[in-house]
N, C-alpha and C. Protein backbone atom coordinates (compact mmCIF):
# COMPACT_ATOMS: atom_id res chain seq x y z
N MET A 1 0.85 -1.17 0.00
CA MET A 1 0.00 0.00 0.00
C MET A 1 0.90 1.24 0.00
N ALA A 2 0.54 2.23 -0.79
CA ALA A 2 1.33 3.45 -0.92
C ALA A 2 1.08 4.39 0.25
N THR A 3 2.06 5.23 0.50
CA THR A 3 1.95 6.28 1.50
C THR A 3 2.09 7.61 0.78
N THR A 4 1.20 8.55 1.10
CA THR A 4 1.21 9.86 0.47
C THR A 4 1.22 10.92 1.54
N THR A 5 2.01 11.96 1.33
CA THR A 5 2.06 13.08 2.26
C THR A 5 1.11 14.16 1.78
N VAL A 6 0.30 14.68 2.70
CA VAL A 6 -0.64 15.75 2.37
C VAL A 6 -0.40 16.89 3.34
N ARG A 7 -0.22 18.09 2.80
CA ARG A 7 -0.05 19.27 3.64
C ARG A 7 -1.41 19.94 3.82
N LEU A 8 -1.80 20.13 5.07
CA LEU A 8 -3.10 20.71 5.39
C LEU A 8 -2.92 21.99 6.17
N ASP A 9 -3.80 22.96 5.91
CA ASP A 9 -3.79 24.15 6.75
C ASP A 9 -4.51 23.79 8.05
N PRO A 10 -4.45 24.64 9.07
CA PRO A 10 -5.06 24.30 10.36
C PRO A 10 -6.56 23.98 10.28
N ASP A 11 -7.30 24.70 9.44
CA ASP A 11 -8.74 24.41 9.32
C ASP A 11 -8.98 23.04 8.70
N GLU A 12 -8.21 22.71 7.68
CA GLU A 12 -8.35 21.40 7.04
C GLU A 12 -7.96 20.29 8.01
N GLU A 13 -6.93 20.53 8.80
CA GLU A 13 -6.52 19.52 9.77
C GLU A 13 -7.60 19.31 10.83
N HIS A 14 -8.23 20.38 11.25
CA HIS A 14 -9.33 20.27 12.22
C HIS A 14 -10.49 19.47 11.62
N THR A 15 -10.82 19.79 10.37
CA THR A 15 -11.89 19.05 9.68
C THR A 15 -11.54 17.58 9.57
N LEU A 16 -10.29 17.28 9.21
CA LEU A 16 -9.86 15.89 9.10
C LEU A 16 -9.98 15.18 10.44
N ASP A 17 -9.59 15.85 11.50
CA ASP A 17 -9.71 15.23 12.83
C ASP A 17 -11.17 14.92 13.18
N GLU A 18 -12.07 15.83 12.82
CA GLU A 18 -13.49 15.58 13.08
C GLU A 18 -13.99 14.39 12.26
N LEU A 19 -13.60 14.35 10.99
CA LEU A 19 -14.02 13.25 10.13
C LEU A 19 -13.38 11.93 10.56
N ALA A 20 -12.17 12.00 11.09
CA ALA A 20 -11.48 10.80 11.54
C ALA A 20 -12.25 10.11 12.65
N GLU A 21 -12.87 10.89 13.51
CA GLU A 21 -13.66 10.31 14.61
C GLU A 21 -14.86 9.54 14.05
N ILE A 22 -15.43 10.04 12.98
CA ILE A 22 -16.60 9.40 12.38
C ILE A 22 -16.21 8.17 11.57
N HIS A 23 -15.08 8.27 10.85
CA HIS A 23 -14.70 7.23 9.88
C HIS A 23 -13.64 6.26 10.40
N GLY A 24 -13.30 6.35 11.67
CA GLY A 24 -12.37 5.38 12.24
C GLY A 24 -10.90 5.66 11.94
N GLY A 25 -10.55 6.91 11.84
CA GLY A 25 -9.15 7.26 11.63
C GLY A 25 -8.96 8.20 10.45
N ARG A 26 -7.82 8.87 10.46
CA ARG A 26 -7.53 9.84 9.40
C ARG A 26 -7.44 9.17 8.03
N SER A 27 -6.77 8.04 7.95
CA SER A 27 -6.62 7.36 6.66
C SER A 27 -7.98 6.96 6.10
N ASN A 28 -8.84 6.42 6.96
CA ASN A 28 -10.18 6.03 6.50
C ASN A 28 -10.98 7.24 6.03
N ALA A 29 -10.85 8.36 6.74
CA ALA A 29 -11.56 9.57 6.34
C ALA A 29 -11.06 10.05 4.98
N LEU A 30 -9.76 10.03 4.77
CA LEU A 30 -9.21 10.45 3.49
C LEU A 30 -9.62 9.49 2.37
N ARG A 31 -9.64 8.20 2.65
CA ARG A 31 -10.09 7.23 1.65
C ARG A 31 -11.56 7.47 1.27
N ALA A 32 -12.39 7.75 2.27
CA ALA A 32 -13.81 8.02 2.01
C ALA A 32 -13.95 9.27 1.15
N GLY A 33 -13.18 10.30 1.45
CA GLY A 33 -13.21 11.52 0.65
C GLY A 33 -12.76 11.27 -0.77
N LEU A 34 -11.74 10.47 -0.94
CA LEU A 34 -11.25 10.13 -2.27
C LEU A 34 -12.30 9.38 -3.07
N ARG A 35 -12.99 8.44 -2.41
CA ARG A 35 -14.06 7.70 -3.10
C ARG A 35 -15.20 8.63 -3.52
N LEU A 36 -15.56 9.57 -2.65
CA LEU A 36 -16.62 10.53 -2.98
C LEU A 36 -16.21 11.42 -4.15
N LEU A 37 -14.97 11.88 -4.15
CA LEU A 37 -14.48 12.72 -5.24
C LEU A 37 -14.44 11.95 -6.55
N ALA A 38 -14.04 10.69 -6.50
CA ALA A 38 -14.02 9.86 -7.71
C ALA A 38 -15.43 9.65 -8.24
N ALA A 39 -16.39 9.41 -7.35
CA ALA A 39 -17.78 9.21 -7.77
C ALA A 39 -18.34 10.49 -8.38
N GLU A 40 -18.03 11.63 -7.79
CA GLU A 40 -18.49 12.91 -8.33
C GLU A 40 -17.90 13.14 -9.72
N THR A 41 -16.65 12.82 -9.89
CA THR A 41 -15.99 12.97 -11.19
C THR A 41 -16.66 12.08 -12.23
N GLN A 42 -16.97 10.85 -11.85
CA GLN A 42 -17.65 9.93 -12.77
C GLN A 42 -19.03 10.46 -13.16
N ARG A 43 -19.74 11.08 -12.20
CA ARG A 43 -21.05 11.66 -12.51
C ARG A 43 -20.90 12.82 -13.50
N HIS A 44 -19.87 13.63 -13.33
CA HIS A 44 -19.64 14.74 -14.24
C HIS A 44 -19.32 14.24 -15.65
N VAL A 45 -18.52 13.21 -15.74
CA VAL A 45 -18.20 12.62 -17.04
C VAL A 45 -19.46 12.07 -17.69
N ALA A 46 -20.28 11.37 -16.91
CA ALA A 46 -21.52 10.80 -17.45
C ALA A 46 -22.46 11.91 -17.92
N LEU A 47 -22.53 13.01 -17.17
CA LEU A 47 -23.38 14.12 -17.58
C LEU A 47 -22.86 14.75 -18.87
N ALA A 48 -21.56 14.93 -18.97
CA ALA A 48 -20.98 15.49 -20.19
C ALA A 48 -21.27 14.58 -21.39
N ASP A 49 -21.17 13.28 -21.19
CA ASP A 49 -21.49 12.33 -22.27
C ASP A 49 -22.96 12.43 -22.66
N LEU A 50 -23.84 12.52 -21.66
CA LEU A 50 -25.27 12.65 -21.92
C LEU A 50 -25.56 13.91 -22.73
N LEU A 51 -24.96 15.02 -22.33
CA LEU A 51 -25.19 16.28 -23.04
C LEU A 51 -24.64 16.21 -24.46
N ALA A 52 -23.49 15.56 -24.65
CA ALA A 52 -22.93 15.41 -25.99
C ALA A 52 -23.86 14.59 -26.87
N ASP A 53 -24.41 13.50 -26.32
CA ASP A 53 -25.36 12.68 -27.08
C ASP A 53 -26.62 13.47 -27.41
N TRP A 54 -27.10 14.22 -26.43
CA TRP A 54 -28.29 15.03 -26.61
C TRP A 54 -28.07 16.04 -27.74
N GLU A 55 -26.93 16.75 -27.69
CA GLU A 55 -26.64 17.73 -28.74
C GLU A 55 -26.51 17.07 -30.10
N HIS A 56 -25.95 15.88 -30.13
CA HIS A 56 -25.80 15.17 -31.41
C HIS A 56 -27.17 14.82 -32.00
N GLU A 57 -28.11 14.43 -31.13
CA GLU A 57 -29.44 14.01 -31.59
C GLU A 57 -30.40 15.18 -31.79
N ALA A 58 -30.34 16.18 -30.92
CA ALA A 58 -31.36 17.24 -30.94
C ALA A 58 -30.80 18.62 -31.24
N GLY A 59 -29.52 18.72 -31.48
CA GLY A 59 -28.92 20.03 -31.70
C GLY A 59 -28.38 20.59 -30.39
N PRO A 60 -27.76 21.77 -30.49
CA PRO A 60 -27.15 22.37 -29.29
C PRO A 60 -28.15 22.57 -28.16
N VAL A 61 -27.67 22.40 -26.96
CA VAL A 61 -28.49 22.62 -25.78
C VAL A 61 -28.70 24.12 -25.62
N ASP A 62 -29.93 24.52 -25.46
CA ASP A 62 -30.29 25.92 -25.31
C ASP A 62 -29.94 26.40 -23.90
N ASP A 63 -29.27 27.54 -23.78
CA ASP A 63 -28.87 28.06 -22.47
C ASP A 63 -30.07 28.33 -21.57
N ASP A 64 -31.17 28.78 -22.14
CA ASP A 64 -32.38 29.02 -21.34
C ASP A 64 -32.94 27.71 -20.78
N ALA A 65 -32.87 26.64 -21.57
CA ALA A 65 -33.34 25.34 -21.10
C ALA A 65 -32.46 24.83 -19.97
N VAL A 66 -31.16 25.06 -20.08
CA VAL A 66 -30.24 24.65 -19.01
C VAL A 66 -30.55 25.44 -17.74
N ALA A 67 -30.77 26.73 -17.86
CA ALA A 67 -31.09 27.55 -16.69
C ALA A 67 -32.39 27.10 -16.04
N THR A 68 -33.38 26.77 -16.86
CA THR A 68 -34.66 26.28 -16.34
C THR A 68 -34.47 24.98 -15.57
N MET A 69 -33.72 24.05 -16.14
CA MET A 69 -33.46 22.78 -15.46
C MET A 69 -32.65 22.97 -14.19
N THR A 70 -31.68 23.87 -14.24
CA THR A 70 -30.86 24.15 -13.06
C THR A 70 -31.74 24.64 -11.92
N ASP A 71 -32.65 25.56 -12.23
CA ASP A 71 -33.57 26.07 -11.21
C ASP A 71 -34.54 24.98 -10.75
N ARG A 72 -35.06 24.23 -11.69
CA ARG A 72 -36.06 23.21 -11.37
C ARG A 72 -35.49 22.12 -10.45
N PHE A 73 -34.25 21.71 -10.72
CA PHE A 73 -33.65 20.62 -9.94
C PHE A 73 -32.66 21.12 -8.90
N GLU A 74 -32.65 22.43 -8.68
CA GLU A 74 -31.82 23.06 -7.64
C GLU A 74 -30.36 22.63 -7.77
N LEU A 75 -29.83 22.73 -8.96
CA LEU A 75 -28.43 22.36 -9.23
C LEU A 75 -27.52 23.56 -9.05
């Protein structure tokens, strides 16, 4: 297993300590954060692919339609 050094400011270190209590240690908290970030990235890629397919089939996405959906789904 690899070891990585992370430099944290005092606020980030405090946050990590709080999360460590919940997740069973600093390493576990960082792993959980990494998994969440990876999942969010995958969702963004999937959304970009969806929009590309949509534009290919229906033409460019209208900015007003995007704004309406953003408001409707509180994005």
